[in-house]
Amino acid sequence: MNYFTGHGRLTRDPQVRYTQSGKAVAVFTLAIDRRRKKGAKESEADFIPCVAWEKTAEIIGNNVTKGQEIVVEGRMQSRTYEKDGVKHYVVECVLSGFEFCGKKSDNQGQGQQAASLGGEYIPDSEIPF
């Protein structure tokens, strides 16, 4: 089973691009702290490249910024590509959903789930009832 859940902070603002067919794709890196060993003074972190597609990518691009704390879930994917004659190997998390976390002020007033388990975030002002 290929399932990943990670809780961390964005290292920079997400980059949102569109494919030739018009699909949105967001890429960002999530810094996830490791558990501290006994007696360790400094914490260590892993930096996980993440990719979100379509509506989730647009929501992340519009609502998440550098330093913001989120929880992501998805699957780990490996791929290779060649650039300037050099072969590169990449392992990244392909998101199926995410949630805001942290203080409400950290989430720019959102404070609620955005796309938990791939769902769609709709602001309260757009709900018809």
N, C-alpha and C. Protein backbone atom coordinates (compact mmCIF):
# COMPACT_ATOMS: atom_id res chain seq x y z
N MET A 1 0.84 -1.16 0.00
CA MET A 1 0.00 0.00 0.00
C MET A 1 0.90 1.24 0.00
N ASN A 2 0.59 2.17 -0.86
CA ASN A 2 1.36 3.39 -0.98
C ASN A 2 0.51 4.54 -0.44
N TYR A 3 0.73 4.91 0.83
CA TYR A 3 -0.04 5.96 1.48
C TYR A 3 0.90 6.81 2.31
N PHE A 4 0.82 8.13 2.14
CA PHE A 4 1.69 9.05 2.87
C PHE A 4 0.85 10.12 3.53
N THR A 5 1.17 10.41 4.79
CA THR A 5 0.59 11.54 5.51
C THR A 5 1.75 12.31 6.12
N GLY A 6 1.77 13.61 5.92
CA GLY A 6 2.83 14.44 6.47
C GLY A 6 2.30 15.72 7.04
N HIS A 7 2.91 16.16 8.14
CA HIS A 7 2.52 17.40 8.82
C HIS A 7 3.75 18.28 8.90
N GLY A 8 3.70 19.44 8.25
CA GLY A 8 4.85 20.31 8.26
C GLY A 8 4.52 21.71 7.78
N ARG A 9 5.58 22.47 7.45
CA ARG A 9 5.43 23.86 6.99
C ARG A 9 6.03 24.00 5.60
N LEU A 10 5.40 24.86 4.80
CA LEU A 10 5.91 25.13 3.46
C LEU A 10 7.21 25.91 3.54
N THR A 11 8.18 25.53 2.72
CA THR A 11 9.47 26.21 2.72
C THR A 11 9.45 27.48 1.87
N ARG A 12 8.48 27.58 0.96
CA ARG A 12 8.28 28.78 0.14
C ARG A 12 6.86 28.75 -0.40
N ASP A 13 6.42 29.83 -1.00
CA ASP A 13 5.08 29.88 -1.60
C ASP A 13 4.97 28.82 -2.69
N PRO A 14 3.81 28.17 -2.81
CA PRO A 14 3.63 27.18 -3.87
C PRO A 14 3.69 27.83 -5.25
N GLN A 15 4.20 27.08 -6.22
CA GLN A 15 4.23 27.55 -7.61
C GLN A 15 3.11 26.84 -8.36
N VAL A 16 2.19 27.61 -8.92
CA VAL A 16 1.07 27.04 -9.67
C VAL A 16 1.30 27.31 -11.15
N ARG A 17 1.19 26.25 -11.93
CA ARG A 17 1.32 26.36 -13.38
C ARG A 17 0.15 25.62 -14.01
N TYR A 18 0.00 25.77 -15.32
CA TYR A 18 -1.07 25.08 -16.04
C TYR A 18 -0.46 24.28 -17.19
N THR A 19 -0.96 23.06 -17.36
CA THR A 19 -0.50 22.23 -18.47
C THR A 19 -1.09 22.76 -19.77
N GLN A 20 -0.64 22.22 -20.90
CA GLN A 20 -1.18 22.64 -22.19
C GLN A 20 -2.67 22.35 -22.30
N SER A 21 -3.14 21.33 -21.59
CA SER A 21 -4.56 21.00 -21.63
C SER A 21 -5.37 21.81 -20.61
N GLY A 22 -4.71 22.70 -19.84
CA GLY A 22 -5.41 23.58 -18.93
C GLY A 22 -5.53 23.08 -17.50
N LYS A 23 -4.89 21.97 -17.15
CA LYS A 23 -4.95 21.46 -15.78
C LYS A 23 -3.97 22.22 -14.90
N ALA A 24 -4.44 22.62 -13.71
CA ALA A 24 -3.57 23.31 -12.76
C ALA A 24 -2.70 22.29 -12.03
N VAL A 25 -1.44 22.67 -11.79
CA VAL A 25 -0.53 21.85 -11.00
C VAL A 25 0.25 22.77 -10.07
N ALA A 26 0.28 22.44 -8.78
CA ALA A 26 1.01 23.22 -7.79
C ALA A 26 2.15 22.37 -7.25
N VAL A 27 3.32 22.97 -7.13
CA VAL A 27 4.47 22.28 -6.54
C VAL A 27 4.97 23.10 -5.36
N PHE A 28 5.36 22.40 -4.31
CA PHE A 28 5.91 23.04 -3.13
C PHE A 28 6.69 22.00 -2.33
N THR A 29 7.45 22.48 -1.37
CA THR A 29 8.22 21.60 -0.50
C THR A 29 7.72 21.76 0.92
N LEU A 30 7.52 20.63 1.58
CA LEU A 30 7.04 20.61 2.95
C LEU A 30 8.19 20.20 3.88
N ALA A 31 8.51 21.04 4.86
CA ALA A 31 9.54 20.73 5.86
C ALA A 31 8.86 20.02 7.03
N ILE A 32 9.26 18.78 7.26
CA ILE A 32 8.66 17.96 8.31
C ILE A 32 9.73 17.65 9.35
N ASP A 33 9.49 18.12 10.59
CA ASP A 33 10.46 17.88 11.67
C ASP A 33 10.52 16.40 12.02
N ARG A 34 11.74 15.93 12.30
CA ARG A 34 11.92 14.57 12.81
C ARG A 34 11.78 14.62 14.33
N ARG A 35 11.50 13.48 14.91
CA ARG A 35 11.49 13.42 16.38
C ARG A 35 12.91 13.63 16.87
N ARG A 36 13.03 14.37 17.96
CA ARG A 36 14.35 14.63 18.54
C ARG A 36 14.82 13.42 19.31
N LYS A 37 16.10 13.15 19.16
CA LYS A 37 16.71 12.10 19.97
C LYS A 37 16.97 12.66 21.35
N LYS A 38 17.00 11.80 22.35
CA LYS A 38 17.27 12.25 23.71
C LYS A 38 18.59 12.99 23.75
N GLY A 39 18.57 14.15 24.35
CA GLY A 39 19.78 14.95 24.49
C GLY A 39 20.11 15.81 23.29
N ALA A 40 19.38 15.67 22.19
CA ALA A 40 19.65 16.49 21.00
C ALA A 40 19.19 17.93 21.25
N LYS A 41 20.05 18.88 20.90
CA LYS A 41 19.72 20.28 21.11
C LYS A 41 19.01 20.88 19.90
N GLU A 42 19.34 20.39 18.73
CA GLU A 42 18.74 20.92 17.51
C GLU A 42 17.86 19.88 16.86
N SER A 43 16.78 20.34 16.26
CA SER A 43 15.90 19.40 15.56
C SER A 43 16.36 19.25 14.12
N GLU A 44 16.00 18.16 13.52
CA GLU A 44 16.30 17.89 12.12
C GLU A 44 14.99 17.84 11.36
N ALA A 45 15.04 18.11 10.08
CA ALA A 45 13.83 18.08 9.27
C ALA A 45 14.10 17.36 7.95
N ASP A 46 13.04 16.80 7.40
CA ASP A 46 13.07 16.24 6.05
C ASP A 46 12.29 17.20 5.16
N PHE A 47 12.74 17.35 3.93
CA PHE A 47 12.11 18.27 2.99
C PHE A 47 11.48 17.43 1.88
N ILE A 48 10.15 17.37 1.88
CA ILE A 48 9.41 16.49 0.99
C ILE A 48 8.81 17.31 -0.16
N PRO A 49 9.24 17.04 -1.41
CA PRO A 49 8.61 17.71 -2.55
C PRO A 49 7.17 17.20 -2.70
N CYS A 50 6.23 18.12 -2.95
CA CYS A 50 4.82 17.76 -3.08
C CYS A 50 4.25 18.32 -4.38
N VAL A 51 3.28 17.60 -4.94
CA VAL A 51 2.61 18.00 -6.17
C VAL A 51 1.11 17.85 -5.96
N ALA A 52 0.35 18.89 -6.31
CA ALA A 52 -1.12 18.84 -6.24
C ALA A 52 -1.65 19.16 -7.64
N TRP A 53 -2.77 18.55 -7.99
CA TRP A 53 -3.35 18.73 -9.31
C TRP A 53 -4.75 19.34 -9.24
N GLU A 54 -5.14 19.97 -10.29
CA GLU A 54 -6.47 20.50 -10.57
C GLU A 54 -7.00 21.41 -9.46
N LYS A 55 -8.19 21.14 -8.92
CA LYS A 55 -8.82 22.04 -7.95
C LYS A 55 -7.97 22.17 -6.67
N THR A 56 -7.39 21.05 -6.21
CA THR A 56 -6.54 21.09 -5.02
C THR A 56 -5.35 22.02 -5.26
N ALA A 57 -4.78 21.98 -6.47
CA ALA A 57 -3.65 22.86 -6.80
C ALA A 57 -4.07 24.32 -6.74
N GLU A 58 -5.24 24.64 -7.26
CA GLU A 58 -5.71 26.02 -7.24
C GLU A 58 -5.98 26.50 -5.82
N ILE A 59 -6.57 25.64 -5.00
CA ILE A 59 -6.86 26.02 -3.61
C ILE A 59 -5.55 26.27 -2.86
N ILE A 60 -4.59 25.39 -3.03
CA ILE A 60 -3.29 25.57 -2.37
C ILE A 60 -2.62 26.85 -2.86
N GLY A 61 -2.63 27.08 -4.16
CA GLY A 61 -2.01 28.28 -4.71
C GLY A 61 -2.63 29.57 -4.21
N ASN A 62 -3.93 29.56 -3.96
CA ASN A 62 -4.64 30.76 -3.53
C ASN A 62 -4.68 30.96 -2.02
N ASN A 63 -4.44 29.90 -1.24
CA ASN A 63 -4.67 29.99 0.20
C ASN A 63 -3.51 29.60 1.10
N VAL A 64 -2.42 29.11 0.55
CA VAL A 64 -1.31 28.63 1.37
C VAL A 64 -0.06 29.40 1.00
N THR A 65 0.71 29.81 2.02
CA THR A 65 1.92 30.58 1.78
C THR A 65 3.09 30.00 2.57
N LYS A 66 4.27 30.52 2.27
CA LYS A 66 5.50 30.10 2.94
C LYS A 66 5.33 30.15 4.45
N GLY A 67 5.78 29.08 5.14
CA GLY A 67 5.75 29.03 6.59
C GLY A 67 4.46 28.50 7.16
N GLN A 68 3.44 28.39 6.33
CA GLN A 68 2.15 27.91 6.82
C GLN A 68 2.20 26.41 7.09
N GLU A 69 1.51 26.04 8.13
CA GLU A 69 1.49 24.65 8.60
C GLU A 69 0.28 23.95 7.98
N ILE A 70 0.53 22.81 7.31
CA ILE A 70 -0.56 22.02 6.74
C ILE A 70 -0.28 20.53 6.93
N VAL A 71 -1.31 19.73 6.76
CA VAL A 71 -1.20 18.28 6.74
C VAL A 71 -1.55 17.85 5.32
N VAL A 72 -0.70 17.04 4.72
CA VAL A 72 -0.97 16.53 3.38
C VAL A 72 -1.14 15.02 3.44
N GLU A 73 -1.89 14.50 2.49
CA GLU A 73 -1.98 13.06 2.33
C GLU A 73 -1.98 12.75 0.85
N GLY A 74 -1.43 11.60 0.54
CA GLY A 74 -1.35 11.21 -0.86
C GLY A 74 -0.51 9.95 -1.00
N ARG A 75 0.15 9.85 -2.13
CA ARG A 75 1.00 8.69 -2.40
C ARG A 75 2.38 9.18 -2.80
N MET A 76 3.38 8.38 -2.50
CA MET A 76 4.74 8.70 -2.91
C MET A 76 4.95 8.17 -4.33
N GLN A 77 5.61 8.97 -5.14
CA GLN A 77 5.83 8.60 -6.53
C GLN A 77 7.28 8.89 -6.88
N SER A 78 7.91 7.97 -7.60
CA SER A 78 9.27 8.22 -8.08
C SER A 78 9.23 8.34 -9.60
N ARG A 79 10.11 9.17 -10.11
CA ARG A 79 10.20 9.36 -11.56
C ARG A 79 11.60 9.82 -11.91
N THR A 80 11.94 9.69 -13.17
CA THR A 80 13.23 10.17 -13.65
C THR A 80 12.98 11.09 -14.85
N TYR A 81 13.90 12.02 -15.04
CA TYR A 81 13.86 12.87 -16.22
C TYR A 81 15.29 13.26 -16.56
N GLU A 82 15.49 13.67 -17.81
CA GLU A 82 16.82 14.06 -18.25
C GLU A 82 16.82 15.54 -18.59
N LYS A 83 17.84 16.24 -18.08
CA LYS A 83 17.98 17.67 -18.34
C LYS A 83 19.45 17.95 -18.62
N ASP A 84 19.73 18.56 -19.73
CA ASP A 84 21.10 18.88 -20.13
C ASP A 84 22.00 17.65 -20.12
N GLY A 85 21.45 16.52 -20.53
CA GLY A 85 22.22 15.29 -20.61
C GLY A 85 22.44 14.59 -19.28
N VAL A 86 21.86 15.12 -18.21
CA VAL A 86 22.02 14.52 -16.88
C VAL A 86 20.68 13.92 -16.46
N LYS A 87 20.72 12.67 -16.02
CA LYS A 87 19.51 11.99 -15.58
C LYS A 87 19.26 12.33 -14.11
N HIS A 88 18.03 12.76 -13.79
CA HIS A 88 17.65 13.12 -12.43
C HIS A 88 16.59 12.15 -11.93
N TYR A 89 16.68 11.80 -10.65
CA TYR A 89 15.74 10.89 -10.00
C TYR A 89 15.01 11.68 -8.92
N VAL A 90 13.66 11.63 -8.93
CA VAL A 90 12.85 12.42 -8.00
C VAL A 90 11.86 11.53 -7.28
N VAL A 91 11.72 11.73 -5.98
CA VAL A 91 10.66 11.09 -5.20
C VAL A 91 9.82 12.23 -4.62
N GLU A 92 8.50 12.18 -4.84
CA GLU A 92 7.63 13.27 -4.41
C GLU A 92 6.30 12.71 -3.94
N CYS A 93 5.57 13.52 -3.17
CA CYS A 93 4.23 13.16 -2.71
C CYS A 93 3.22 13.77 -3.67
N VAL A 94 2.36 12.93 -4.24
CA VAL A 94 1.27 13.40 -5.08
C VAL A 94 0.03 13.45 -4.20
N LEU A 95 -0.47 14.66 -3.96
CA LEU A 95 -1.55 14.86 -2.99
C LEU A 95 -2.89 14.32 -3.46
N SER A 96 -3.61 13.74 -2.50
CA SER A 96 -5.02 13.42 -2.71
C SER A 96 -5.88 14.35 -1.86
N GLY A 97 -5.25 15.06 -0.91
CA GLY A 97 -5.97 16.02 -0.08
C GLY A 97 -5.03 16.69 0.89
N PHE A 98 -5.55 17.71 1.58
CA PHE A 98 -4.76 18.41 2.60
C PHE A 98 -5.70 19.11 3.55
N GLU A 99 -5.16 19.54 4.70
CA GLU A 99 -5.91 20.30 5.68
C GLU A 99 -5.03 21.41 6.24
N PHE A 100 -5.66 22.56 6.50
CA PHE A 100 -4.97 23.61 7.22
C PHE A 100 -4.81 23.16 8.67
N CYS A 101 -3.77 23.64 9.34
CA CYS A 101 -3.64 23.42 10.77
C CYS A 101 -2.85 24.60 11.34
N GLY A 102 -2.63 24.57 12.63
CA GLY A 102 -1.98 25.71 13.25
C GLY A 102 -3.01 26.69 13.74
N LYS A 103 -2.57 27.89 14.11
CA LYS A 103 -3.47 28.93 14.61
C LYS A 103 -4.29 29.52 13.46
N LYS A 104 -5.45 30.03 13.80
CA LYS A 104 -6.31 30.64 12.80
C LYS A 104 -5.60 31.78 12.09
N SER A 105 -4.81 32.57 12.82
CA SER A 105 -4.10 33.69 12.21
C SER A 105 -3.04 33.21 11.22
N ASP A 106 -2.49 32.00 11.44
CA ASP A 106 -1.51 31.44 10.51
C ASP A 106 -2.15 31.11 9.18
N ASN A 107 -3.45 30.87 9.18
CA ASN A 107 -4.15 30.42 7.98
C ASN A 107 -4.88 31.56 7.29
N GLN A 108 -4.48 32.79 7.55
CA GLN A 108 -5.04 33.97 6.92
C GLN A 108 -6.56 34.00 7.02
N GLY A 109 -7.08 33.66 8.22
CA GLY A 109 -8.50 33.73 8.44
C GLY A 109 -9.28 32.51 7.98
N GLN A 110 -8.63 31.54 7.38
CA GLN A 110 -9.36 30.36 6.90
C GLN A 110 -9.74 29.48 8.08
N GLY A 111 -8.74 28.98 8.83
CA GLY A 111 -8.96 28.24 10.05
C GLY A 111 -9.78 26.98 9.93
N GLN A 112 -10.12 26.56 8.72
CA GLN A 112 -10.95 25.38 8.53
C GLN A 112 -10.29 24.48 7.51
N GLN A 113 -10.89 23.33 7.30
CA GLN A 113 -10.36 22.42 6.30
C GLN A 113 -10.45 23.09 4.94
N ALA A 114 -9.48 22.78 4.09
CA ALA A 114 -9.55 23.30 2.73
C ALA A 114 -9.97 22.20 1.79
N ALA A 115 -9.18 21.18 1.72
CA ALA A 115 -9.48 20.13 0.77
C ALA A 115 -9.22 18.78 1.42
N SER A 116 -9.83 18.55 2.54
CA SER A 116 -9.62 17.31 3.26
C SER A 116 -10.05 16.14 2.40
N LEU A 117 -9.16 15.20 2.23
CA LEU A 117 -9.43 13.99 1.45
C LEU A 117 -9.90 14.32 0.04
N GLY A 118 -9.35 15.38 -0.54
CA GLY A 118 -9.67 15.71 -1.91
C GLY A 118 -10.94 16.52 -2.08
N GLY A 119 -11.58 16.93 -0.98
CA GLY A 119 -12.80 17.71 -1.07
C GLY A 119 -12.52 19.12 -1.55
N GLU A 120 -13.56 19.88 -1.79
CA GLU A 120 -13.42 21.23 -2.31
C GLU A 120 -13.72 22.24 -1.22
N TYR A 121 -12.89 23.26 -1.07
CA TYR A 121 -13.11 24.33 -0.10
C TYR A 121 -14.00 25.38 -0.73
N ILE A 122 -15.07 25.74 -0.04
CA ILE A 122 -15.97 26.80 -0.51
C ILE A 122 -16.10 27.80 0.64
N PRO A 123 -15.75 29.07 0.40
CA PRO A 123 -15.87 30.07 1.46
C PRO A 123 -17.32 30.21 1.91
N ASP A 124 -17.51 30.54 3.20
CA ASP A 124 -18.86 30.70 3.75
C ASP A 124 -19.70 31.69 2.95
N SER A 125 -19.07 32.72 2.43
CA SER A 125 -19.80 33.75 1.70
C SER A 125 -20.41 33.23 0.39
N GLU A 126 -19.94 32.08 -0.11
CA GLU A 126 -20.46 31.53 -1.36
C GLU A 126 -21.49 30.42 -1.14
N ILE A 127 -21.78 30.09 0.11
CA ILE A 127 -22.79 29.05 0.38
C ILE A 127 -24.16 29.70 0.27
N PRO A 128 -25.08 29.13 -0.54
CA PRO A 128 -26.36 29.79 -0.83
C PRO A 128 -27.39 29.76 0.28
N PHE A 129 -27.12 29.18 1.43
CA PHE A 129 -28.12 29.13 2.51
C PHE A 129 -27.56 29.64 3.81
